[in-house]
Amino acid sequence: MPDSLARVRIVDDDPDMLKSWEFLLSSAGYLVSAYGSAKEFLDNDDPSIPGCLVLDIRMPEISGLELQEVLNEERNPLPIIFCSAHASIDMCVSALKHGAIDFMEKPVDADRLILAIENACALNRKNSDEARDRRKILEKFNTLTTREQEVAFALADGISNQKKRYKFTAALCAAKCLSAPRWRSPISSRLFLRNVRNKANTCVYSVLLLKLAAE
């Protein structure tokens, strides 16, 4: 079932291929944007719109692999599906190594392409939702005082390094601080925790997400 908000971008220097895929995907219920070159895509596409990118490998000026490199540098979240009739094994390996979710040989089977696009759009939506959740957590976390943040980080460090005794000891100390009335109200209220019992776990979860987002 196509995501009603997702847009499939197609970048291929073959006009006939663009028209064929645009018709196929539009008929399948997708919003489609077709670009005849990587430059046209970079100049006109809006990365804030969810979806995915169907990308050719061999194109003049900027190749598909070069475009992938640019998008990775810009941290563009669009999942990439490569399609090519003239790709080497090295190209395929490079594309997948740098984050492409699929690589298909032309002529592409229509059902396989639509399934790959469905999976790519679902992945993009999942990643976007997780990024939004991390931003919300960061906003809440930034309302804590410096000392309250230190307590939460100490606890998270202890949990993520349980095999290191000194880290675990730090976590236990932090947990005691969290259970004290002095820290209970600000941390629980600012992180919108429902009760004191799950307060420590939620702090740990929040900080671990912040750590993962920073990596």
N, C-alpha and C. Protein backbone atom coordinates (compact mmCIF):
# COMPACT_ATOMS: atom_id res chain seq x y z
N MET A 1 0.86 -1.19 0.00
CA MET A 1 0.00 0.00 0.00
C MET A 1 0.89 1.24 0.00
N PRO A 2 0.82 2.08 -1.04
CA PRO A 2 1.68 3.26 -1.12
C PRO A 2 1.43 4.23 0.02
N ASP A 3 2.49 4.84 0.51
CA ASP A 3 2.39 5.90 1.50
C ASP A 3 1.88 7.15 0.78
N SER A 4 0.75 7.70 1.23
CA SER A 4 0.14 8.82 0.54
C SER A 4 0.99 10.09 0.58
N LEU A 5 1.92 10.15 1.54
CA LEU A 5 2.77 11.34 1.67
C LEU A 5 4.14 11.15 1.02
N ALA A 6 4.45 9.93 0.62
CA ALA A 6 5.78 9.63 0.08
C ALA A 6 5.88 10.04 -1.39
N ARG A 7 7.06 10.49 -1.75
CA ARG A 7 7.33 10.85 -3.15
C ARG A 7 8.53 10.04 -3.64
N VAL A 8 8.36 9.38 -4.77
CA VAL A 8 9.44 8.60 -5.37
C VAL A 8 10.18 9.49 -6.37
N ARG A 9 11.47 9.66 -6.15
CA ARG A 9 12.29 10.42 -7.09
C ARG A 9 12.99 9.44 -8.02
N ILE A 10 12.95 9.72 -9.31
CA ILE A 10 13.65 8.91 -10.29
C ILE A 10 14.70 9.78 -10.97
N VAL A 11 15.95 9.33 -10.97
CA VAL A 11 17.03 10.07 -11.63
C VAL A 11 17.65 9.14 -12.66
N ASP A 12 17.46 9.47 -13.93
CA ASP A 12 17.97 8.65 -15.03
C ASP A 12 18.11 9.54 -16.26
N ASP A 13 19.20 9.37 -17.00
CA ASP A 13 19.42 10.22 -18.18
C ASP A 13 18.72 9.68 -19.43
N ASP A 14 18.00 8.58 -19.31
CA ASP A 14 17.25 8.01 -20.42
C ASP A 14 15.80 8.49 -20.36
N PRO A 15 15.38 9.39 -21.28
CA PRO A 15 14.01 9.94 -21.23
C PRO A 15 12.93 8.87 -21.32
N ASP A 16 13.16 7.86 -22.14
CA ASP A 16 12.16 6.79 -22.28
C ASP A 16 12.00 6.01 -20.98
N MET A 17 13.12 5.78 -20.30
CA MET A 17 13.08 5.07 -19.03
C MET A 17 12.34 5.90 -17.98
N LEU A 18 12.59 7.20 -17.98
CA LEU A 18 11.90 8.08 -17.04
C LEU A 18 10.40 8.02 -17.24
N LYS A 19 9.96 8.13 -18.50
CA LYS A 19 8.53 8.11 -18.78
C LYS A 19 7.91 6.78 -18.39
N SER A 20 8.60 5.69 -18.69
CA SER A 20 8.09 4.36 -18.38
C SER A 20 7.92 4.17 -16.88
N TRP A 21 8.95 4.52 -16.12
CA TRP A 21 8.88 4.34 -14.67
C TRP A 21 7.89 5.30 -14.03
N GLU A 22 7.83 6.52 -14.54
CA GLU A 22 6.89 7.49 -14.00
C GLU A 22 5.46 6.99 -14.18
N PHE A 23 5.15 6.43 -15.35
CA PHE A 23 3.82 5.88 -15.60
C PHE A 23 3.54 4.69 -14.68
N LEU A 24 4.52 3.80 -14.57
CA LEU A 24 4.36 2.61 -13.73
C LEU A 24 4.08 2.98 -12.28
N LEU A 25 4.87 3.86 -11.73
CA LEU A 25 4.75 4.19 -10.31
C LEU A 25 3.54 5.07 -10.03
N SER A 26 3.21 5.95 -10.95
CA SER A 26 1.99 6.75 -10.79
C SER A 26 0.77 5.84 -10.81
N SER A 27 0.77 4.85 -11.68
CA SER A 27 -0.33 3.90 -11.76
C SER A 27 -0.45 3.07 -10.48
N ALA A 28 0.70 2.88 -9.80
CA ALA A 28 0.71 2.12 -8.55
C ALA A 28 0.30 2.97 -7.36
N GLY A 29 0.06 4.27 -7.59
CA GLY A 29 -0.43 5.13 -6.52
C GLY A 29 0.60 6.04 -5.89
N TYR A 30 1.80 6.11 -6.44
CA TYR A 30 2.86 6.93 -5.87
C TYR A 30 2.91 8.32 -6.50
N LEU A 31 3.31 9.28 -5.70
CA LEU A 31 3.68 10.59 -6.22
C LEU A 31 5.08 10.44 -6.80
N VAL A 32 5.33 10.97 -7.98
CA VAL A 32 6.60 10.75 -8.66
C VAL A 32 7.20 12.06 -9.15
N SER A 33 8.50 12.21 -8.95
CA SER A 33 9.26 13.31 -9.54
C SER A 33 10.36 12.70 -10.38
N ALA A 34 10.42 13.07 -11.65
CA ALA A 34 11.40 12.50 -12.58
C ALA A 34 12.45 13.55 -12.94
N TYR A 35 13.72 13.16 -12.84
CA TYR A 35 14.83 14.07 -13.14
C TYR A 35 15.76 13.42 -14.15
N GLY A 36 16.18 14.21 -15.14
CA GLY A 36 17.04 13.68 -16.19
C GLY A 36 18.51 13.71 -15.87
N SER A 37 18.87 14.27 -14.72
CA SER A 37 20.28 14.31 -14.32
C SER A 37 20.38 14.48 -12.81
N ALA A 38 21.54 14.17 -12.26
CA ALA A 38 21.77 14.35 -10.83
C ALA A 38 21.72 15.83 -10.46
N LYS A 39 22.23 16.69 -11.34
CA LYS A 39 22.22 18.13 -11.07
C LYS A 39 20.80 18.65 -10.99
N GLU A 40 19.94 18.19 -11.91
CA GLU A 40 18.55 18.62 -11.88
C GLU A 40 17.89 18.20 -10.57
N PHE A 41 18.21 17.00 -10.12
CA PHE A 41 17.68 16.52 -8.85
C PHE A 41 18.16 17.39 -7.69
N LEU A 42 19.45 17.66 -7.63
CA LEU A 42 20.02 18.45 -6.53
C LEU A 42 19.47 19.88 -6.53
N ASP A 43 19.21 20.42 -7.70
CA ASP A 43 18.73 21.80 -7.80
C ASP A 43 17.25 21.94 -7.45
N ASN A 44 16.48 20.86 -7.59
CA ASN A 44 15.03 21.02 -7.49
C ASN A 44 14.34 20.19 -6.41
N ASP A 45 14.97 19.15 -5.93
CA ASP A 45 14.26 18.27 -5.00
C ASP A 45 14.22 18.85 -3.59
N ASP A 46 13.13 18.56 -2.89
CA ASP A 46 12.96 18.98 -1.50
C ASP A 46 13.18 17.77 -0.59
N PRO A 47 14.32 17.71 0.11
CA PRO A 47 14.63 16.53 0.94
C PRO A 47 13.72 16.36 2.14
N SER A 48 12.94 17.39 2.48
CA SER A 48 12.05 17.27 3.64
C SER A 48 10.82 16.43 3.32
N ILE A 49 10.55 16.20 2.04
CA ILE A 49 9.41 15.37 1.65
C ILE A 49 9.82 13.91 1.73
N PRO A 50 9.09 13.08 2.47
CA PRO A 50 9.48 11.67 2.63
C PRO A 50 9.37 10.90 1.33
N GLY A 51 10.04 9.76 1.28
CA GLY A 51 9.97 8.91 0.10
C GLY A 51 11.27 8.17 -0.11
N CYS A 52 11.68 8.04 -1.38
CA CYS A 52 12.91 7.35 -1.70
C CYS A 52 13.43 7.82 -3.06
N LEU A 53 14.58 7.29 -3.44
CA LEU A 53 15.24 7.68 -4.69
C LEU A 53 15.58 6.45 -5.50
N VAL A 54 15.09 6.41 -6.75
CA VAL A 54 15.46 5.36 -7.70
C VAL A 54 16.51 5.97 -8.63
N LEU A 55 17.71 5.39 -8.62
CA LEU A 55 18.86 6.09 -9.20
C LEU A 55 19.64 5.21 -10.18
N ASP A 56 19.95 5.81 -11.34
CA ASP A 56 20.79 5.14 -12.33
C ASP A 56 22.26 5.30 -11.92
N ILE A 57 23.11 4.42 -12.40
CA ILE A 57 24.53 4.48 -12.07
C ILE A 57 25.30 5.37 -13.04
N ARG A 58 25.24 5.02 -14.31
CA ARG A 58 26.05 5.73 -15.32
C ARG A 58 25.27 6.89 -15.90
N MET A 59 25.69 8.10 -15.56
CA MET A 59 25.08 9.32 -16.08
C MET A 59 26.18 10.34 -16.33
N PRO A 60 25.99 11.24 -17.30
CA PRO A 60 27.00 12.27 -17.56
C PRO A 60 27.10 13.27 -16.42
N GLU A 61 28.23 13.94 -16.33
CA GLU A 61 28.52 14.98 -15.33
C GLU A 61 28.61 14.40 -13.92
N ILE A 62 27.51 13.99 -13.35
CA ILE A 62 27.50 13.41 -12.00
C ILE A 62 26.90 12.02 -12.07
N SER A 63 27.69 11.01 -11.73
CA SER A 63 27.19 9.64 -11.78
C SER A 63 26.30 9.34 -10.58
N GLY A 64 25.64 8.19 -10.63
CA GLY A 64 24.79 7.80 -9.51
C GLY A 64 25.57 7.63 -8.21
N LEU A 65 26.75 7.02 -8.31
CA LEU A 65 27.58 6.83 -7.11
C LEU A 65 28.07 8.17 -6.56
N GLU A 66 28.38 9.10 -7.44
CA GLU A 66 28.80 10.43 -6.99
C GLU A 66 27.65 11.17 -6.32
N LEU A 67 26.45 11.01 -6.88
CA LEU A 67 25.29 11.63 -6.24
C LEU A 67 25.05 11.01 -4.87
N GLN A 68 25.19 9.72 -4.75
CA GLN A 68 25.05 9.06 -3.45
C GLN A 68 26.03 9.64 -2.44
N GLU A 69 27.26 9.88 -2.88
CA GLU A 69 28.27 10.45 -1.99
C GLU A 69 27.87 11.84 -1.53
N VAL A 70 27.33 12.64 -2.44
CA VAL A 70 26.88 14.00 -2.09
C VAL A 70 25.75 13.93 -1.06
N LEU A 71 24.81 13.05 -1.29
CA LEU A 71 23.67 12.93 -0.38
C LEU A 71 24.11 12.44 1.00
N ASN A 72 25.07 11.55 1.04
CA ASN A 72 25.60 11.09 2.33
C ASN A 72 26.29 12.23 3.07
N GLU A 73 27.04 13.05 2.34
CA GLU A 73 27.71 14.19 2.97
C GLU A 73 26.70 15.19 3.52
N GLU A 74 25.58 15.33 2.81
CA GLU A 74 24.54 16.26 3.25
C GLU A 74 23.60 15.62 4.27
N ARG A 75 23.82 14.36 4.58
CA ARG A 75 22.96 13.60 5.49
C ARG A 75 21.52 13.59 5.02
N ASN A 76 21.36 13.49 3.71
CA ASN A 76 20.02 13.37 3.13
C ASN A 76 19.46 12.00 3.49
N PRO A 77 18.28 11.93 4.08
CA PRO A 77 17.77 10.65 4.60
C PRO A 77 17.11 9.73 3.58
N LEU A 78 17.03 10.13 2.31
CA LEU A 78 16.31 9.32 1.34
C LEU A 78 16.99 7.98 1.09
N PRO A 79 16.29 6.87 1.26
CA PRO A 79 16.84 5.57 0.88
C PRO A 79 17.02 5.50 -0.63
N ILE A 80 18.09 4.85 -1.08
CA ILE A 80 18.41 4.79 -2.51
C ILE A 80 18.27 3.37 -3.04
N ILE A 81 17.59 3.26 -4.18
CA ILE A 81 17.51 2.01 -4.93
C ILE A 81 18.23 2.24 -6.26
N PHE A 82 19.32 1.52 -6.48
CA PHE A 82 20.06 1.67 -7.73
C PHE A 82 19.52 0.73 -8.80
N CYS A 83 19.44 1.24 -10.02
CA CYS A 83 19.04 0.43 -11.18
C CYS A 83 19.98 0.75 -12.33
N SER A 84 20.60 -0.28 -12.90
CA SER A 84 21.56 -0.02 -13.96
C SER A 84 21.71 -1.23 -14.88
N ALA A 85 21.96 -0.91 -16.16
CA ALA A 85 22.21 -1.98 -17.14
C ALA A 85 23.70 -2.17 -17.38
N HIS A 86 24.50 -1.27 -16.84
CA HIS A 86 25.95 -1.31 -17.14
C HIS A 86 26.76 -1.12 -15.86
N ALA A 87 26.46 -1.88 -14.85
CA ALA A 87 27.17 -1.74 -13.58
C ALA A 87 28.08 -2.95 -13.34
N SER A 88 29.25 -2.67 -12.82
CA SER A 88 30.18 -3.74 -12.46
C SER A 88 29.88 -4.22 -11.04
N ILE A 89 30.50 -5.33 -10.69
CA ILE A 89 30.35 -5.85 -9.33
C ILE A 89 30.89 -4.85 -8.32
N ASP A 90 32.00 -4.20 -8.66
CA ASP A 90 32.59 -3.21 -7.76
C ASP A 90 31.61 -2.06 -7.50
N MET A 91 30.92 -1.63 -8.56
CA MET A 91 29.94 -0.55 -8.40
C MET A 91 28.81 -0.97 -7.47
N CYS A 92 28.34 -2.19 -7.66
CA CYS A 92 27.26 -2.71 -6.82
C CYS A 92 27.69 -2.77 -5.37
N VAL A 93 28.88 -3.29 -5.14
CA VAL A 93 29.40 -3.40 -3.77
C VAL A 93 29.55 -2.02 -3.15
N SER A 94 30.08 -1.07 -3.90
CA SER A 94 30.26 0.29 -3.39
C SER A 94 28.93 0.93 -3.03
N ALA A 95 27.95 0.77 -3.90
CA ALA A 95 26.64 1.36 -3.65
C ALA A 95 26.02 0.81 -2.36
N LEU A 96 26.06 -0.50 -2.19
CA LEU A 96 25.47 -1.12 -0.99
C LEU A 96 26.27 -0.79 0.26
N LYS A 97 27.59 -0.73 0.11
CA LYS A 97 28.46 -0.40 1.24
C LYS A 97 28.17 0.98 1.77
N HIS A 98 27.80 1.89 0.88
CA HIS A 98 27.55 3.27 1.29
C HIS A 98 26.07 3.56 1.53
N GLY A 99 25.28 2.51 1.71
CA GLY A 99 23.94 2.72 2.24
C GLY A 99 22.76 2.45 1.32
N ALA A 100 23.01 2.12 0.05
CA ALA A 100 21.88 1.80 -0.83
C ALA A 100 21.15 0.58 -0.28
N ILE A 101 19.82 0.57 -0.40
CA ILE A 101 19.07 -0.55 0.18
C ILE A 101 18.80 -1.65 -0.84
N ASP A 102 19.03 -1.36 -2.14
CA ASP A 102 18.84 -2.40 -3.15
C ASP A 102 19.59 -2.00 -4.42
N PHE A 103 19.90 -3.01 -5.23
CA PHE A 103 20.60 -2.78 -6.50
C PHE A 103 20.00 -3.74 -7.51
N MET A 104 19.42 -3.18 -8.58
CA MET A 104 18.72 -3.99 -9.57
C MET A 104 19.33 -3.79 -10.95
N GLU A 105 19.30 -4.87 -11.71
CA GLU A 105 19.81 -4.81 -13.07
C GLU A 105 18.66 -4.54 -14.04
N LYS A 106 18.87 -3.59 -14.95
CA LYS A 106 17.88 -3.32 -15.99
C LYS A 106 17.93 -4.41 -17.05
N PRO A 107 16.80 -4.76 -17.64
CA PRO A 107 15.45 -4.25 -17.34
C PRO A 107 14.94 -4.77 -16.00
N VAL A 108 14.36 -3.87 -15.22
CA VAL A 108 13.94 -4.20 -13.86
C VAL A 108 12.54 -4.81 -13.87
N ASP A 109 12.35 -5.86 -13.08
CA ASP A 109 11.03 -6.44 -12.91
C ASP A 109 10.14 -5.45 -12.16
N ALA A 110 8.97 -5.14 -12.74
CA ALA A 110 8.10 -4.12 -12.18
C ALA A 110 7.66 -4.44 -10.76
N ASP A 111 7.27 -5.68 -10.50
CA ASP A 111 6.80 -6.06 -9.16
C ASP A 111 7.92 -5.94 -8.13
N ARG A 112 9.12 -6.34 -8.52
CA ARG A 112 10.25 -6.24 -7.60
C ARG A 112 10.57 -4.78 -7.29
N LEU A 113 10.50 -3.92 -8.32
CA LEU A 113 10.78 -2.50 -8.11
C LEU A 113 9.75 -1.88 -7.17
N ILE A 114 8.49 -2.17 -7.38
CA ILE A 114 7.43 -1.60 -6.53
C ILE A 114 7.58 -2.07 -5.09
N LEU A 115 7.93 -3.35 -4.90
CA LEU A 115 8.14 -3.87 -3.55
C LEU A 115 9.32 -3.17 -2.89
N ALA A 116 10.41 -2.98 -3.62
CA ALA A 116 11.58 -2.29 -3.07
C ALA A 116 11.24 -0.86 -2.70
N ILE A 117 10.45 -0.20 -3.52
CA ILE A 117 10.05 1.19 -3.23
C ILE A 117 9.16 1.24 -2.00
N GLU A 118 8.25 0.28 -1.88
CA GLU A 118 7.39 0.22 -0.69
C GLU A 118 8.23 0.07 0.57
N ASN A 119 9.22 -0.82 0.53
CA ASN A 119 10.09 -1.03 1.69
C ASN A 119 10.94 0.20 1.98
N ALA A 120 11.41 0.86 0.92
CA ALA A 120 12.25 2.04 1.10
C ALA A 120 11.46 3.18 1.73
N CYS A 121 10.24 3.39 1.27
CA CYS A 121 9.40 4.46 1.83
C CYS A 121 9.05 4.17 3.29
N ALA A 122 8.81 2.90 3.60
CA ALA A 122 8.52 2.53 4.99
C ALA A 122 9.74 2.78 5.88
N LEU A 123 10.92 2.46 5.37
CA LEU A 123 12.15 2.71 6.12
C LEU A 123 12.37 4.19 6.34
N ASN A 124 12.12 4.99 5.31
CA ASN A 124 12.28 6.44 5.43
C ASN A 124 11.32 7.02 6.46
N ARG A 125 10.09 6.52 6.45
CA ARG A 125 9.12 6.99 7.43
C ARG A 125 9.54 6.60 8.85
N LYS A 126 10.02 5.39 9.02
CA LYS A 126 10.47 4.93 10.34
C LYS A 126 11.64 5.79 10.83
N ASN A 127 12.61 6.03 9.96
CA ASN A 127 13.77 6.84 10.34
C ASN A 127 13.36 8.27 10.68
N SER A 128 12.41 8.81 9.92
CA SER A 128 11.94 10.18 10.18
C SER A 128 11.23 10.26 11.52
N ASP A 129 10.42 9.26 11.84
CA ASP A 129 9.72 9.24 13.12
C ASP A 129 10.71 9.15 14.28
N GLU A 130 11.75 8.32 14.12
CA GLU A 130 12.74 8.18 15.18
C GLU A 130 13.53 9.47 15.35
N ALA A 131 13.85 10.14 14.25
CA ALA A 131 14.58 11.42 14.34
C ALA A 131 13.72 12.46 15.04
N ARG A 132 12.42 12.48 14.77
CA ARG A 132 11.53 13.42 15.43
C ARG A 132 11.46 13.13 16.93
N ASP A 133 11.40 11.85 17.29
CA ASP A 133 11.36 11.48 18.71
C ASP A 133 12.65 11.92 19.42
N ARG A 134 13.80 11.75 18.73
CA ARG A 134 15.06 12.17 19.35
C ARG A 134 15.10 13.68 19.56
N ARG A 135 14.55 14.42 18.61
CA ARG A 135 14.52 15.88 18.77
C ARG A 135 13.66 16.28 19.97
N LYS A 136 12.53 15.60 20.14
CA LYS A 136 11.66 15.90 21.27
C LYS A 136 12.36 15.59 22.59
N ILE A 137 13.06 14.46 22.64
CA ILE A 137 13.78 14.08 23.84
C ILE A 137 14.87 15.10 24.15
N LEU A 138 15.58 15.53 23.10
CA LEU A 138 16.64 16.52 23.29
C LEU A 138 16.07 17.83 23.84
N GLU A 139 14.92 18.24 23.31
CA GLU A 139 14.29 19.47 23.79
C GLU A 139 13.94 19.35 25.27
N LYS A 140 13.40 18.20 25.67
CA LYS A 140 13.06 17.98 27.07
C LYS A 140 14.32 17.91 27.93
N PHE A 141 15.34 17.19 27.42
CA PHE A 141 16.57 17.02 28.17
C PHE A 141 17.25 18.36 28.42
N ASN A 142 17.17 19.28 27.46
CA ASN A 142 17.81 20.59 27.59
C ASN A 142 17.14 21.47 28.63
N THR A 143 15.96 21.07 29.12
CA THR A 143 15.32 21.84 30.18
C THR A 143 15.89 21.49 31.55
N LEU A 144 16.66 20.39 31.65
CA LEU A 144 17.27 20.01 32.92
C LEU A 144 18.44 20.92 33.24
N THR A 145 18.75 21.06 34.53
CA THR A 145 19.93 21.80 34.93
C THR A 145 21.17 21.00 34.59
N THR A 146 22.33 21.65 34.67
CA THR A 146 23.59 20.96 34.38
C THR A 146 23.78 19.76 35.29
N ARG A 147 23.48 19.92 36.57
CA ARG A 147 23.66 18.83 37.53
C ARG A 147 22.71 17.67 37.22
N GLU A 148 21.47 17.99 36.85
CA GLU A 148 20.51 16.95 36.53
C GLU A 148 20.93 16.18 35.27
N GLN A 149 21.52 16.89 34.32
CA GLN A 149 22.02 16.22 33.11
C GLN A 149 23.19 15.31 33.45
N GLU A 150 24.06 15.76 34.35
CA GLU A 150 25.20 14.93 34.76
C GLU A 150 24.72 13.64 35.41
N VAL A 151 23.68 13.73 36.22
CA VAL A 151 23.14 12.54 36.88
C VAL A 151 22.61 11.56 35.83
N ALA A 152 21.86 12.07 34.86
CA ALA A 152 21.28 11.20 33.84
C ALA A 152 22.37 10.57 32.98
N PHE A 153 23.39 11.33 32.61
CA PHE A 153 24.48 10.79 31.80
C PHE A 153 25.28 9.75 32.59
N ALA A 154 25.48 9.99 33.87
CA ALA A 154 26.21 9.02 34.68
C ALA A 154 25.47 7.70 34.73
N LEU A 155 24.16 7.78 34.87
CA LEU A 155 23.35 6.57 34.91
C LEU A 155 23.39 5.84 33.57
N ALA A 156 23.27 6.58 32.49
CA ALA A 156 23.29 5.96 31.16
C ALA A 156 24.64 5.33 30.86
N ASP A 157 25.71 6.01 31.24
CA ASP A 157 27.05 5.45 31.04
C ASP A 157 27.22 4.15 31.81
N GLY A 158 26.68 4.11 33.00
CA GLY A 158 26.80 2.90 33.80
C GLY A 158 26.05 1.74 33.18
N ILE A 159 24.86 1.99 32.66
CA ILE A 159 24.07 0.92 32.06
C ILE A 159 24.69 0.43 30.76
N SER A 160 25.25 1.35 29.95
CA SER A 160 25.79 0.95 28.65
C SER A 160 27.18 0.32 28.77
N ASN A 161 27.75 0.35 29.95
CA ASN A 161 29.08 -0.27 30.17
C ASN A 161 29.06 -1.12 31.43
N GLN A 162 28.08 -2.01 31.51
CA GLN A 162 27.88 -2.75 32.75
C GLN A 162 29.05 -3.65 33.10
N LYS A 163 29.87 -4.03 32.13
CA LYS A 163 30.99 -4.92 32.41
C LYS A 163 32.14 -4.18 33.09
N LYS A 164 32.05 -2.86 33.09
CA LYS A 164 33.09 -2.07 33.74
C LYS A 164 32.58 -1.68 35.13
N ARG A 165 33.20 -2.24 36.12
CA ARG A 165 32.67 -2.08 37.47
C ARG A 165 32.56 -0.62 37.91
N TYR A 166 33.56 0.17 37.57
CA TYR A 166 33.53 1.56 38.04
C TYR A 166 32.38 2.33 37.39
N LYS A 167 32.02 1.94 36.16
CA LYS A 167 30.90 2.59 35.51
C LYS A 167 29.60 2.18 36.19
N PHE A 168 29.50 0.91 36.52
CA PHE A 168 28.29 0.43 37.17
C PHE A 168 28.13 1.07 38.54
N THR A 169 29.25 1.25 39.24
CA THR A 169 29.20 1.92 40.54
C THR A 169 28.69 3.34 40.38
N ALA A 170 29.15 4.00 39.32
CA ALA A 170 28.68 5.36 39.05
C ALA A 170 27.18 5.37 38.80
N ALA A 171 26.69 4.34 38.12
CA ALA A 171 25.26 4.26 37.84
C ALA A 171 24.47 4.10 39.14
N LEU A 172 24.99 3.28 40.05
CA LEU A 172 24.30 3.08 41.32
C LEU A 172 24.26 4.38 42.13
N CYS A 173 25.36 5.09 42.10
CA CYS A 173 25.39 6.37 42.80
C CYS A 173 24.39 7.34 42.18
N ALA A 174 24.35 7.34 40.86
CA ALA A 174 23.42 8.24 40.16
C ALA A 174 21.98 7.86 40.47
N ALA A 175 21.73 6.55 40.55
CA ALA A 175 20.37 6.09 40.84
C ALA A 175 19.93 6.58 42.22
N LYS A 176 20.87 6.57 43.18
CA LYS A 176 20.54 7.07 44.51
C LYS A 176 20.21 8.54 44.47
N CYS A 177 20.97 9.28 43.65
CA CYS A 177 20.69 10.71 43.51
C CYS A 177 19.30 10.92 42.91
N LEU A 178 18.95 10.09 41.91
CA LEU A 178 17.66 10.24 41.25
C LEU A 178 16.51 9.94 42.20
N SER A 179 16.76 9.03 43.17
CA SER A 179 15.69 8.66 44.09
C SER A 179 15.51 9.67 45.20
N ALA A 180 16.46 10.58 45.32
CA ALA A 180 16.38 11.57 46.39
C ALA A 180 15.36 12.65 46.03
N PRO A 181 14.61 13.18 47.01
CA PRO A 181 13.60 14.20 46.74
C PRO A 181 14.17 15.42 46.03
N ARG A 182 15.45 15.71 46.30
CA ARG A 182 16.06 16.91 45.71
C ARG A 182 16.01 16.88 44.20
N TRP A 183 16.19 15.66 43.60
CA TRP A 183 16.23 15.54 42.13
C TRP A 183 14.91 15.05 41.55
N ARG A 184 14.06 14.50 42.39
CA ARG A 184 12.87 13.83 41.90
C ARG A 184 11.96 14.75 41.10
N SER A 185 11.62 15.89 41.66
CA SER A 185 10.64 16.75 41.02
C SER A 185 11.10 17.33 39.70
N PRO A 186 12.30 17.99 39.63
CA PRO A 186 12.68 18.58 38.34
C PRO A 186 12.88 17.59 37.22
N ILE A 187 13.54 16.44 37.51
CA ILE A 187 13.81 15.48 36.43
C ILE A 187 12.51 14.84 35.96
N SER A 188 11.67 14.43 36.90
CA SER A 188 10.44 13.74 36.50
C SER A 188 9.48 14.67 35.79
N SER A 189 9.38 15.91 36.28
CA SER A 189 8.43 16.81 35.67
C SER A 189 8.90 17.31 34.31
N ARG A 190 10.19 17.56 34.16
CA ARG A 190 10.68 18.12 32.91
C ARG A 190 10.79 17.07 31.81
N LEU A 191 10.99 15.82 32.20
CA LEU A 191 10.98 14.77 31.19
C LEU A 191 9.60 14.15 31.04
N PHE A 192 8.60 14.76 31.73
CA PHE A 192 7.22 14.32 31.63
C PHE A 192 7.05 12.85 32.00
N LEU A 193 7.67 12.47 33.12
CA LEU A 193 7.57 11.09 33.59
C LEU A 193 6.31 10.93 34.41
N ARG A 194 5.71 9.76 34.32
CA ARG A 194 4.43 9.53 34.96
C ARG A 194 4.56 9.25 36.45
N ASN A 195 5.65 8.59 36.85
CA ASN A 195 5.81 8.29 38.26
C ASN A 195 7.28 8.11 38.58
N VAL A 196 7.57 8.10 39.88
CA VAL A 196 8.96 8.00 40.32
C VAL A 196 9.53 6.63 39.98
N ARG A 197 8.71 5.60 39.98
CA ARG A 197 9.20 4.24 39.76
C ARG A 197 9.89 4.08 38.41
N ASN A 198 9.34 4.67 37.34
CA ASN A 198 9.95 4.50 36.03
C ASN A 198 10.83 5.68 35.63
N LYS A 199 11.03 6.59 36.58
CA LYS A 199 11.79 7.80 36.29
C LYS A 199 13.23 7.50 35.86
N ALA A 200 13.93 6.66 36.61
CA ALA A 200 15.32 6.36 36.30
C ALA A 200 15.46 5.68 34.95
N ASN A 201 14.57 4.71 34.67
CA ASN A 201 14.64 4.00 33.39
C ASN A 201 14.42 4.95 32.23
N THR A 202 13.49 5.88 32.37
CA THR A 202 13.21 6.81 31.28
C THR A 202 14.37 7.76 31.07
N CYS A 203 15.02 8.17 32.14
CA CYS A 203 16.20 9.02 32.00
C CYS A 203 17.29 8.29 31.23
N VAL A 204 17.51 7.03 31.60
CA VAL A 204 18.52 6.23 30.91
C VAL A 204 18.17 6.12 29.43
N TYR A 205 16.92 5.79 29.15
CA TYR A 205 16.48 5.63 27.76
C TYR A 205 16.69 6.92 26.98
N SER A 206 16.34 8.04 27.58
CA SER A 206 16.47 9.33 26.90
C SER A 206 17.92 9.64 26.58
N VAL A 207 18.79 9.43 27.56
CA VAL A 207 20.19 9.75 27.35
C VAL A 207 20.84 8.82 26.35
N LEU A 208 20.49 7.54 26.39
CA LEU A 208 21.04 6.60 25.42
C LEU A 208 20.64 6.98 24.01
N LEU A 209 19.41 7.45 23.82
CA LEU A 209 18.98 7.90 22.50
C LEU A 209 19.79 9.12 22.06
N LEU A 210 20.06 10.02 23.01
CA LEU A 210 20.87 11.19 22.68
C LEU A 210 22.27 10.77 22.27
N LYS A 211 22.82 9.78 22.95
CA LYS A 211 24.15 9.29 22.62
C LYS A 211 24.18 8.67 21.22
N LEU A 212 23.16 7.86 20.92
CA LEU A 212 23.09 7.24 19.60
C LEU A 212 22.94 8.28 18.51
N ALA A 213 22.19 9.31 18.78
CA ALA A 213 21.97 10.37 17.77
C ALA A 213 23.26 11.13 17.49
N ALA A 214 24.14 11.18 18.49
CA ALA A 214 25.39 11.93 18.32
C ALA A 214 26.47 11.14 17.63
N GLU A 215 26.30 9.83 17.55
CA GLU A 215 27.34 8.96 16.95
C GLU A 215 27.32 9.04 15.43
